[in-house]
Amino acid sequence: MISDEILKEFKERMHLGDHEDANLRRILSASNKALIRSCGDYDINTDESFKELVFERSRYVYNDALEYFNDNFISEINSLGIDKALKAIVLEGDADATV
């Protein structure tokens, strides 16, 4: 769910008015879901790196250039995915240690 605060931040960043709120919310939501599939379950409201990536993907979508996003941001996408995987391994290791 894209909060009003996230929508407001994105509109300010992109210098957009209020006339496109529904479209922007749809773009942000789709970008959030796509990046969760690629990077893992991050919270756009609490993780600044993930939010930045969602905003960048949304900017590419808004400007009809989505086909360039993955190539230009592959290192950021991979970094978030690796961070999530490492955290899962550490948590799994902690659970095994208590058994």
Protein backbone atom coordinates (compact mmCIF):
# COMPACT_ATOMS: atom_id res chain seq x y z
CA MET A 1 0.00 0.00 0.00
CA ILE A 2 1.38 3.37 -1.01
CA SER A 3 0.80 5.92 1.74
CA ASP A 4 -0.12 9.53 1.13
CA GLU A 5 3.31 10.52 2.50
CA ILE A 6 5.15 8.33 -0.04
CA LEU A 7 3.00 9.75 -2.85
CA LYS A 8 3.72 13.30 -1.66
CA GLU A 9 7.49 12.64 -1.51
CA PHE A 10 7.49 11.23 -5.03
CA LYS A 11 5.45 14.12 -6.43
CA GLU A 12 7.80 16.64 -4.81
CA ARG A 13 10.83 14.84 -6.20
CA MET A 14 9.35 14.73 -9.69
CA HIS A 15 7.90 18.28 -9.46
CA LEU A 16 4.39 17.02 -10.22
CA GLY A 17 1.03 18.46 -9.23
CA ASP A 18 -2.07 16.82 -7.84
CA HIS A 19 -3.71 16.03 -11.17
CA GLU A 20 -2.08 12.60 -11.54
CA ASP A 21 -2.43 11.11 -8.06
CA ALA A 22 -4.24 7.93 -9.12
CA ASN A 23 -1.76 7.20 -11.92
CA LEU A 24 1.27 7.94 -9.71
CA ARG A 25 -0.08 5.76 -6.91
CA ARG A 26 -0.56 2.92 -9.43
CA ILE A 27 2.98 3.36 -10.77
CA LEU A 28 4.48 3.44 -7.26
CA SER A 29 2.50 0.37 -6.22
CA ALA A 30 3.54 -1.60 -9.30
CA SER A 31 7.19 -0.60 -8.80
CA ASN A 32 7.02 -1.56 -5.13
CA LYS A 33 5.60 -5.00 -5.96
CA ALA A 34 8.08 -5.62 -8.80
CA LEU A 35 11.04 -4.75 -6.61
CA ILE A 36 9.80 -6.89 -3.72
CA ARG A 37 9.78 -9.81 -6.18
CA SER A 38 13.36 -8.98 -7.21
CA CYS A 39 14.90 -7.86 -3.92
CA GLY A 40 12.88 -9.47 -1.15
CA ASP A 41 10.23 -8.22 1.23
CA TYR A 42 11.24 -4.64 2.07
CA ASP A 43 9.02 -1.93 3.55
CA ILE A 44 8.97 1.23 1.47
CA ASN A 45 7.96 3.21 4.57
CA THR A 46 10.99 2.23 6.66
CA ASP A 47 13.84 1.33 4.29
CA GLU A 48 15.29 4.39 2.56
CA SER A 49 17.42 2.40 0.09
CA PHE A 50 14.41 0.42 -1.05
CA LYS A 51 12.22 3.54 -1.26
CA GLU A 52 14.89 5.24 -3.39
CA LEU A 53 14.89 2.28 -5.77
CA VAL A 54 11.07 2.28 -5.96
CA PHE A 55 11.15 6.01 -6.76
CA GLU A 56 13.76 5.47 -9.48
CA ARG A 57 11.79 2.64 -11.07
CA SER A 58 8.64 4.74 -10.89
CA ARG A 59 10.47 7.63 -12.56
CA TYR A 60 11.47 5.32 -15.41
CA VAL A 61 7.88 4.08 -15.75
CA TYR A 62 6.51 7.63 -15.70
CA ASN A 63 8.91 8.63 -18.47
CA ASP A 64 8.17 5.52 -20.57
CA ALA A 65 11.72 4.20 -20.20
CA LEU A 66 11.22 1.12 -18.01
CA GLU A 67 13.25 -1.03 -20.41
CA TYR A 68 16.40 0.80 -19.22
CA PHE A 69 15.79 0.52 -15.48
CA ASN A 70 17.21 -2.95 -14.80
CA ASP A 71 20.40 -2.28 -16.76
CA ASN A 72 20.98 1.02 -15.00
CA PHE A 73 20.16 -0.20 -11.48
CA ILE A 74 21.26 -3.84 -11.50
CA SER A 75 23.88 -3.30 -8.81
CA GLU A 76 21.36 -1.68 -6.44
CA ILE A 77 18.80 -4.43 -7.12
CA ASN A 78 21.39 -7.13 -6.51
CA SER A 79 22.68 -5.44 -3.36
CA LEU A 80 19.24 -5.31 -1.77
CA GLY A 81 18.57 -8.93 -2.75
CA ILE A 82 21.89 -10.08 -1.31
CA ASP A 83 21.35 -8.10 1.91
CA LYS A 84 17.94 -9.74 2.35
CA ALA A 85 19.36 -13.22 1.70
CA LEU A 86 22.23 -12.69 4.16
CA LYS A 87 19.84 -11.49 6.86
CA ALA A 88 17.72 -14.61 6.32
CA ILE A 89 20.79 -16.84 6.67
CA VAL A 90 21.84 -15.08 9.87
CA LEU A 91 18.33 -15.39 11.32
CA GLU A 92 18.20 -19.06 10.32
CA GLY A 93 21.58 -19.60 11.95
CA ASP A 94 20.34 -17.96 15.17
CA ALA A 95 17.28 -20.24 15.16
CA ASP A 96 19.49 -23.32 14.72
CA ALA A 97 21.73 -22.20 17.58
CA THR A 98 18.82 -22.24 20.03
CA VAL A 99 17.77 -25.80 19.20
